[in-house]
ModelCIF file with pLDDT and N, C-alpha, C, O atoms, coordinates in Angstrom:
data_MODEL
#
_entry.id   MODEL 
#
_entity.id                         1 
_entity.type                       polymer 
_entity.pdbx_number_of_molecules   1 
#
_entity_poly.entity_id                      1 
_entity_poly.type                           'polypeptide(L)' 
_entity_poly.nstd_linkage                   no 
_entity_poly.nstd_monomer                   no 
_entity_poly.pdbx_seq_one_letter_code       EESMPSVAVLTMPEALYVTRPTLANNATIIVS 
_entity_poly.pdbx_seq_one_letter_code_can   EESMPSVAVLTMPEALYVTRPTLANNATIIVS 
_entity_poly.pdbx_strand_id                 A 
#
loop_
_entity_poly_seq.entity_id 
_entity_poly_seq.num 
_entity_poly_seq.mon_id 
_entity_poly_seq.hetero 
1 1  GLU n 
1 2  GLU n 
1 3  SER n 
1 4  MET n 
1 5  PRO n 
1 6  SER n 
1 7  VAL n 
1 8  ALA n 
1 9  VAL n 
1 10 LEU n 
1 11 THR n 
1 12 MET n 
1 13 PRO n 
1 14 GLU n 
1 15 ALA n 
1 16 LEU n 
1 17 TYR n 
1 18 VAL n 
1 19 THR n 
1 20 ARG n 
1 21 PRO n 
1 22 THR n 
1 23 LEU n 
1 24 ALA n 
1 25 ASN n 
1 26 ASN n 
1 27 ALA n 
1 28 THR n 
1 29 ILE n 
1 30 ILE n 
1 31 VAL n 
1 32 SER n 
#
_struct_asym.id          A 
_struct_asym.entity_id   1 
#
loop_
_ma_qa_metric.id 
_ma_qa_metric.mode 
_ma_qa_metric.name 
_ma_qa_metric.software_group_id 
_ma_qa_metric.type 
1 global pLDDT . pLDDT 
2 local  pLDDT . pLDDT 
#
_ma_qa_metric_global.metric_id      1 
_ma_qa_metric_global.metric_value   95.59 
_ma_qa_metric_global.model_id       1 
_ma_qa_metric_global.ordinal_id     1 
#
loop_
_ma_qa_metric_local.label_asym_id 
_ma_qa_metric_local.label_comp_id 
_ma_qa_metric_local.label_seq_id 
_ma_qa_metric_local.metric_id 
_ma_qa_metric_local.metric_value 
_ma_qa_metric_local.model_id 
_ma_qa_metric_local.ordinal_id 
A GLU 1  2 96.00 1 1  
A GLU 2  2 94.00 1 2  
A SER 3  2 92.00 1 3  
A MET 4  2 92.00 1 4  
A PRO 5  2 88.00 1 5  
A SER 6  2 96.00 1 6  
A VAL 7  2 97.00 1 7  
A ALA 8  2 97.00 1 8  
A VAL 9  2 98.00 1 9  
A LEU 10 2 97.00 1 10 
A THR 11 2 95.00 1 11 
A MET 12 2 93.00 1 12 
A PRO 13 2 93.00 1 13 
A GLU 14 2 96.00 1 14 
A ALA 15 2 96.00 1 15 
A LEU 16 2 95.00 1 16 
A TYR 17 2 96.00 1 17 
A VAL 18 2 96.00 1 18 
A THR 19 2 96.00 1 19 
A ARG 20 2 95.00 1 20 
A PRO 21 2 96.00 1 21 
A THR 22 2 97.00 1 22 
A LEU 23 2 97.00 1 23 
A ALA 24 2 95.00 1 24 
A ASN 25 2 96.00 1 25 
A ASN 26 2 97.00 1 26 
A ALA 27 2 97.00 1 27 
A THR 28 2 98.00 1 28 
A ILE 29 2 98.00 1 29 
A ILE 30 2 98.00 1 30 
A VAL 31 2 97.00 1 31 
A SER 32 2 95.00 1 32 
#
loop_
_atom_site.group_PDB 
_atom_site.id 
_atom_site.type_symbol 
_atom_site.label_atom_id 
_atom_site.label_alt_id 
_atom_site.label_comp_id 
_atom_site.label_asym_id 
_atom_site.label_entity_id 
_atom_site.label_seq_id 
_atom_site.pdbx_PDB_ins_code 
_atom_site.Cartn_x 
_atom_site.Cartn_y 
_atom_site.Cartn_z 
_atom_site.occupancy 
_atom_site.B_iso_or_equiv 
_atom_site.pdbx_formal_charge 
_atom_site.auth_seq_id 
_atom_site.auth_comp_id 
_atom_site.auth_asym_id 
_atom_site.auth_atom_id 
_atom_site.pdbx_PDB_model_num 
ATOM 1   N N  . GLU A 1 1  ? 230.629 29.995 -1.498 1.00 96.00 ? 1  GLU A N  1 
ATOM 2   C CA . GLU A 1 1  ? 230.138 29.829 -2.907 1.00 96.00 ? 1  GLU A CA 1 
ATOM 3   C C  . GLU A 1 1  ? 229.889 27.942 -2.567 1.00 96.00 ? 1  GLU A C  1 
ATOM 4   O O  . GLU A 1 1  ? 229.089 27.448 -3.361 1.00 96.00 ? 1  GLU A O  1 
ATOM 5   N N  . GLU A 1 2  ? 230.505 26.886 -1.470 1.00 94.00 ? 2  GLU A N  1 
ATOM 6   C CA . GLU A 1 2  ? 229.688 26.657 -1.789 1.00 94.00 ? 2  GLU A CA 1 
ATOM 7   C C  . GLU A 1 2  ? 228.206 25.831 -2.199 1.00 94.00 ? 2  GLU A C  1 
ATOM 8   O O  . GLU A 1 2  ? 227.885 24.980 -3.029 1.00 94.00 ? 2  GLU A O  1 
ATOM 9   N N  . SER A 1 3  ? 227.544 26.576 -1.155 1.00 92.00 ? 3  SER A N  1 
ATOM 10  C CA . SER A 1 3  ? 226.472 26.938 -1.040 1.00 92.00 ? 3  SER A CA 1 
ATOM 11  C C  . SER A 1 3  ? 225.615 27.714 -1.590 1.00 92.00 ? 3  SER A C  1 
ATOM 12  O O  . SER A 1 3  ? 224.433 27.371 -1.574 1.00 92.00 ? 3  SER A O  1 
ATOM 13  N N  . MET A 1 4  ? 226.083 29.177 -2.325 1.00 92.00 ? 4  MET A N  1 
ATOM 14  C CA . MET A 1 4  ? 225.476 29.402 -3.071 1.00 92.00 ? 4  MET A CA 1 
ATOM 15  C C  . MET A 1 4  ? 226.155 29.730 -4.448 1.00 92.00 ? 4  MET A C  1 
ATOM 16  O O  . MET A 1 4  ? 227.370 29.543 -4.504 1.00 92.00 ? 4  MET A O  1 
ATOM 17  N N  . PRO A 1 5  ? 225.498 30.205 -5.584 1.00 88.00 ? 5  PRO A N  1 
ATOM 18  C CA . PRO A 1 5  ? 225.649 29.559 -6.672 1.00 88.00 ? 5  PRO A CA 1 
ATOM 19  C C  . PRO A 1 5  ? 226.762 31.462 -7.057 1.00 88.00 ? 5  PRO A C  1 
ATOM 20  O O  . PRO A 1 5  ? 227.825 31.759 -7.602 1.00 88.00 ? 5  PRO A O  1 
ATOM 21  N N  . SER A 1 6  ? 225.884 32.036 -6.512 1.00 96.00 ? 6  SER A N  1 
ATOM 22  C CA . SER A 1 6  ? 226.563 33.933 -7.067 1.00 96.00 ? 6  SER A CA 1 
ATOM 23  C C  . SER A 1 6  ? 226.816 34.901 -5.793 1.00 96.00 ? 6  SER A C  1 
ATOM 24  O O  . SER A 1 6  ? 225.702 34.760 -5.287 1.00 96.00 ? 6  SER A O  1 
ATOM 25  N N  . VAL A 1 7  ? 227.252 35.471 -5.227 1.00 97.00 ? 7  VAL A N  1 
ATOM 26  C CA . VAL A 1 7  ? 227.832 35.893 -3.837 1.00 97.00 ? 7  VAL A CA 1 
ATOM 27  C C  . VAL A 1 7  ? 228.844 37.412 -4.979 1.00 97.00 ? 7  VAL A C  1 
ATOM 28  O O  . VAL A 1 7  ? 229.620 37.475 -5.932 1.00 97.00 ? 7  VAL A O  1 
ATOM 29  N N  . ALA A 1 8  ? 227.829 38.712 -3.635 1.00 97.00 ? 8  ALA A N  1 
ATOM 30  C CA . ALA A 1 8  ? 228.790 39.669 -4.061 1.00 97.00 ? 8  ALA A CA 1 
ATOM 31  C C  . ALA A 1 8  ? 228.472 40.277 -2.782 1.00 97.00 ? 8  ALA A C  1 
ATOM 32  O O  . ALA A 1 8  ? 227.423 40.174 -2.146 1.00 97.00 ? 8  ALA A O  1 
ATOM 33  N N  . VAL A 1 9  ? 229.526 40.929 -2.492 1.00 98.00 ? 9  VAL A N  1 
ATOM 34  C CA . VAL A 1 9  ? 230.800 41.024 -1.224 1.00 98.00 ? 9  VAL A CA 1 
ATOM 35  C C  . VAL A 1 9  ? 230.386 42.858 -1.499 1.00 98.00 ? 9  VAL A C  1 
ATOM 36  O O  . VAL A 1 9  ? 230.450 43.267 -2.658 1.00 98.00 ? 9  VAL A O  1 
ATOM 37  N N  . LEU A 1 10 ? 230.008 43.777 -0.445 1.00 97.00 ? 10 LEU A N  1 
ATOM 38  C CA . LEU A 1 10 ? 230.103 44.884 -0.479 1.00 97.00 ? 10 LEU A CA 1 
ATOM 39  C C  . LEU A 1 10 ? 230.305 45.855 0.588  1.00 97.00 ? 10 LEU A C  1 
ATOM 40  O O  . LEU A 1 10 ? 229.600 45.522 1.540  1.00 97.00 ? 10 LEU A O  1 
ATOM 41  N N  . THR A 1 11 ? 230.986 46.944 0.842  1.00 95.00 ? 11 THR A N  1 
ATOM 42  C CA . THR A 1 11 ? 231.459 47.713 1.774  1.00 95.00 ? 11 THR A CA 1 
ATOM 43  C C  . THR A 1 11 ? 230.361 48.885 1.964  1.00 95.00 ? 11 THR A C  1 
ATOM 44  O O  . THR A 1 11 ? 229.582 49.003 1.018  1.00 95.00 ? 11 THR A O  1 
ATOM 45  N N  . MET A 1 12 ? 230.220 49.626 2.880  1.00 93.00 ? 12 MET A N  1 
ATOM 46  C CA . MET A 1 12 ? 228.662 49.931 3.253  1.00 93.00 ? 12 MET A CA 1 
ATOM 47  C C  . MET A 1 12 ? 229.042 51.210 2.974  1.00 93.00 ? 12 MET A C  1 
ATOM 48  O O  . MET A 1 12 ? 228.448 52.135 3.529  1.00 93.00 ? 12 MET A O  1 
ATOM 49  N N  . PRO A 1 13 ? 230.089 51.459 2.073  1.00 93.00 ? 13 PRO A N  1 
ATOM 50  C CA . PRO A 1 13 ? 229.391 53.122 1.239  1.00 93.00 ? 13 PRO A CA 1 
ATOM 51  C C  . PRO A 1 13 ? 229.176 52.055 -0.158 1.00 93.00 ? 13 PRO A C  1 
ATOM 52  O O  . PRO A 1 13 ? 228.043 51.887 -0.609 1.00 93.00 ? 13 PRO A O  1 
ATOM 53  N N  . GLU A 1 14 ? 229.975 51.600 -0.566 1.00 96.00 ? 14 GLU A N  1 
ATOM 54  C CA . GLU A 1 14 ? 228.872 50.682 -1.456 1.00 96.00 ? 14 GLU A CA 1 
ATOM 55  C C  . GLU A 1 14 ? 227.759 49.965 -2.119 1.00 96.00 ? 14 GLU A C  1 
ATOM 56  O O  . GLU A 1 14 ? 227.437 49.765 -3.290 1.00 96.00 ? 14 GLU A O  1 
ATOM 57  N N  . ALA A 1 15 ? 227.054 49.495 -0.390 1.00 96.00 ? 15 ALA A N  1 
ATOM 58  C CA . ALA A 1 15 ? 226.051 49.214 -0.472 1.00 96.00 ? 15 ALA A CA 1 
ATOM 59  C C  . ALA A 1 15 ? 224.926 50.576 -0.525 1.00 96.00 ? 15 ALA A C  1 
ATOM 60  O O  . ALA A 1 15 ? 223.872 50.756 -1.134 1.00 96.00 ? 15 ALA A O  1 
ATOM 61  N N  . LEU A 1 16 ? 225.713 51.390 0.412  1.00 95.00 ? 16 LEU A N  1 
ATOM 62  C CA . LEU A 1 16 ? 224.004 52.542 -0.042 1.00 95.00 ? 16 LEU A CA 1 
ATOM 63  C C  . LEU A 1 16 ? 224.034 53.045 -1.850 1.00 95.00 ? 16 LEU A C  1 
ATOM 64  O O  . LEU A 1 16 ? 223.724 54.165 -2.255 1.00 95.00 ? 16 LEU A O  1 
ATOM 65  N N  . TYR A 1 17 ? 224.502 51.849 -2.733 1.00 96.00 ? 17 TYR A N  1 
ATOM 66  C CA . TYR A 1 17 ? 224.192 51.912 -4.147 1.00 96.00 ? 17 TYR A CA 1 
ATOM 67  C C  . TYR A 1 17 ? 223.635 50.551 -5.189 1.00 96.00 ? 17 TYR A C  1 
ATOM 68  O O  . TYR A 1 17 ? 223.209 50.477 -6.342 1.00 96.00 ? 17 TYR A O  1 
ATOM 69  N N  . VAL A 1 18 ? 223.870 49.692 -4.219 1.00 96.00 ? 18 VAL A N  1 
ATOM 70  C CA . VAL A 1 18 ? 223.303 48.055 -3.943 1.00 96.00 ? 18 VAL A CA 1 
ATOM 71  C C  . VAL A 1 18 ? 222.066 48.419 -5.194 1.00 96.00 ? 18 VAL A C  1 
ATOM 72  O O  . VAL A 1 18 ? 221.029 49.007 -4.890 1.00 96.00 ? 18 VAL A O  1 
ATOM 73  N N  . THR A 1 19 ? 222.394 47.932 -6.733 1.00 96.00 ? 19 THR A N  1 
ATOM 74  C CA . THR A 1 19 ? 220.743 47.242 -7.168 1.00 96.00 ? 19 THR A CA 1 
ATOM 75  C C  . THR A 1 19 ? 220.265 46.224 -7.053 1.00 96.00 ? 19 THR A C  1 
ATOM 76  O O  . THR A 1 19 ? 220.804 45.174 -6.705 1.00 96.00 ? 19 THR A O  1 
ATOM 77  N N  . ARG A 1 20 ? 218.799 46.491 -7.437 1.00 95.00 ? 20 ARG A N  1 
ATOM 78  C CA . ARG A 1 20 ? 218.153 45.208 -7.651 1.00 95.00 ? 20 ARG A CA 1 
ATOM 79  C C  . ARG A 1 20 ? 218.102 43.872 -7.990 1.00 95.00 ? 20 ARG A C  1 
ATOM 80  O O  . ARG A 1 20 ? 217.711 42.779 -7.581 1.00 95.00 ? 20 ARG A O  1 
ATOM 81  N N  . PRO A 1 21 ? 218.770 44.525 -9.090 1.00 96.00 ? 21 PRO A N  1 
ATOM 82  C CA . PRO A 1 21 ? 219.158 43.382 -9.882 1.00 96.00 ? 21 PRO A CA 1 
ATOM 83  C C  . PRO A 1 21 ? 220.963 42.389 -8.618 1.00 96.00 ? 21 PRO A C  1 
ATOM 84  O O  . PRO A 1 21 ? 221.556 41.522 -9.261 1.00 96.00 ? 21 PRO A O  1 
ATOM 85  N N  . THR A 1 22 ? 221.307 42.547 -7.698 1.00 97.00 ? 22 THR A N  1 
ATOM 86  C CA . THR A 1 22 ? 223.061 42.851 -7.122 1.00 97.00 ? 22 THR A CA 1 
ATOM 87  C C  . THR A 1 22 ? 221.656 41.721 -5.827 1.00 97.00 ? 22 THR A C  1 
ATOM 88  O O  . THR A 1 22 ? 221.832 40.548 -5.498 1.00 97.00 ? 22 THR A O  1 
ATOM 89  N N  . LEU A 1 23 ? 220.494 42.571 -5.423 1.00 97.00 ? 23 LEU A N  1 
ATOM 90  C CA . LEU A 1 23 ? 219.993 41.138 -4.537 1.00 97.00 ? 23 LEU A CA 1 
ATOM 91  C C  . LEU A 1 23 ? 219.724 40.288 -5.349 1.00 97.00 ? 23 LEU A C  1 
ATOM 92  O O  . LEU A 1 23 ? 220.355 39.265 -5.083 1.00 97.00 ? 23 LEU A O  1 
ATOM 93  N N  . ALA A 1 24 ? 218.869 40.141 -6.542 1.00 95.00 ? 24 ALA A N  1 
ATOM 94  C CA . ALA A 1 24 ? 217.401 39.218 -6.513 1.00 95.00 ? 24 ALA A CA 1 
ATOM 95  C C  . ALA A 1 24 ? 218.901 38.064 -7.013 1.00 95.00 ? 24 ALA A C  1 
ATOM 96  O O  . ALA A 1 24 ? 218.868 36.834 -6.990 1.00 95.00 ? 24 ALA A O  1 
ATOM 97  N N  . ASN A 1 25 ? 219.769 38.695 -7.314 1.00 96.00 ? 25 ASN A N  1 
ATOM 98  C CA . ASN A 1 25 ? 220.729 37.274 -8.561 1.00 96.00 ? 25 ASN A CA 1 
ATOM 99  C C  . ASN A 1 25 ? 221.840 36.614 -7.716 1.00 96.00 ? 25 ASN A C  1 
ATOM 100 O O  . ASN A 1 25 ? 222.414 35.548 -7.942 1.00 96.00 ? 25 ASN A O  1 
ATOM 101 N N  . ASN A 1 26 ? 222.033 37.546 -6.609 1.00 97.00 ? 26 ASN A N  1 
ATOM 102 C CA . ASN A 1 26 ? 223.067 37.368 -5.344 1.00 97.00 ? 26 ASN A CA 1 
ATOM 103 C C  . ASN A 1 26 ? 223.197 36.673 -3.839 1.00 97.00 ? 26 ASN A C  1 
ATOM 104 O O  . ASN A 1 26 ? 222.450 36.996 -2.915 1.00 97.00 ? 26 ASN A O  1 
ATOM 105 N N  . ALA A 1 27 ? 223.785 36.115 -3.771 1.00 97.00 ? 27 ALA A N  1 
ATOM 106 C CA . ALA A 1 27 ? 223.610 36.242 -1.893 1.00 97.00 ? 27 ALA A CA 1 
ATOM 107 C C  . ALA A 1 27 ? 224.573 37.226 -1.794 1.00 97.00 ? 27 ALA A C  1 
ATOM 108 O O  . ALA A 1 27 ? 225.711 37.167 -2.259 1.00 97.00 ? 27 ALA A O  1 
ATOM 109 N N  . THR A 1 28 ? 224.032 38.220 -1.113 1.00 98.00 ? 28 THR A N  1 
ATOM 110 C CA . THR A 1 28 ? 224.808 39.769 -0.581 1.00 98.00 ? 28 THR A CA 1 
ATOM 111 C C  . THR A 1 28 ? 225.203 40.031 0.613  1.00 98.00 ? 28 THR A C  1 
ATOM 112 O O  . THR A 1 28 ? 224.654 40.385 1.656  1.00 98.00 ? 28 THR A O  1 
ATOM 113 N N  . ILE A 1 29 ? 226.701 39.694 0.137  1.00 98.00 ? 29 ILE A N  1 
ATOM 114 C CA . ILE A 1 29 ? 227.150 40.671 2.445  1.00 98.00 ? 29 ILE A CA 1 
ATOM 115 C C  . ILE A 1 29 ? 227.392 41.610 2.239  1.00 98.00 ? 29 ILE A C  1 
ATOM 116 O O  . ILE A 1 29 ? 228.223 41.960 1.401  1.00 98.00 ? 29 ILE A O  1 
ATOM 117 N N  . ILE A 1 30 ? 226.727 42.331 2.956  1.00 98.00 ? 30 ILE A N  1 
ATOM 118 C CA . ILE A 1 30 ? 227.340 43.220 3.741  1.00 98.00 ? 30 ILE A CA 1 
ATOM 119 C C  . ILE A 1 30 ? 228.195 43.781 4.695  1.00 98.00 ? 30 ILE A C  1 
ATOM 120 O O  . ILE A 1 30 ? 227.722 43.544 5.806  1.00 98.00 ? 30 ILE A O  1 
ATOM 121 N N  . VAL A 1 31 ? 229.556 44.610 4.796  1.00 97.00 ? 31 VAL A N  1 
ATOM 122 C CA . VAL A 1 31 ? 230.346 43.981 5.700  1.00 97.00 ? 31 VAL A CA 1 
ATOM 123 C C  . VAL A 1 31 ? 230.270 45.216 6.603  1.00 97.00 ? 31 VAL A C  1 
ATOM 124 O O  . VAL A 1 31 ? 229.915 46.214 5.975  1.00 97.00 ? 31 VAL A O  1 
ATOM 125 N N  . SER A 1 32 ? 230.505 45.422 7.898  1.00 95.00 ? 32 SER A N  1 
ATOM 126 C CA . SER A 1 32 ? 230.206 46.352 8.502  1.00 95.00 ? 32 SER A CA 1 
ATOM 127 C C  . SER A 1 32 ? 230.685 46.219 9.871  1.00 95.00 ? 32 SER A C  1 
ATOM 128 O O  . SER A 1 32 ? 230.470 47.112 10.690 1.00 95.00 ? 32 SER A O  1 
#
């Protein structure tokens, strides 16, 4: 978060349902 204003962290099952606004407004980290 030092360099990213907004962060979303997802597991693989959660990433299968990721929304377009989530990717557009966050640094999205998928851990797998």
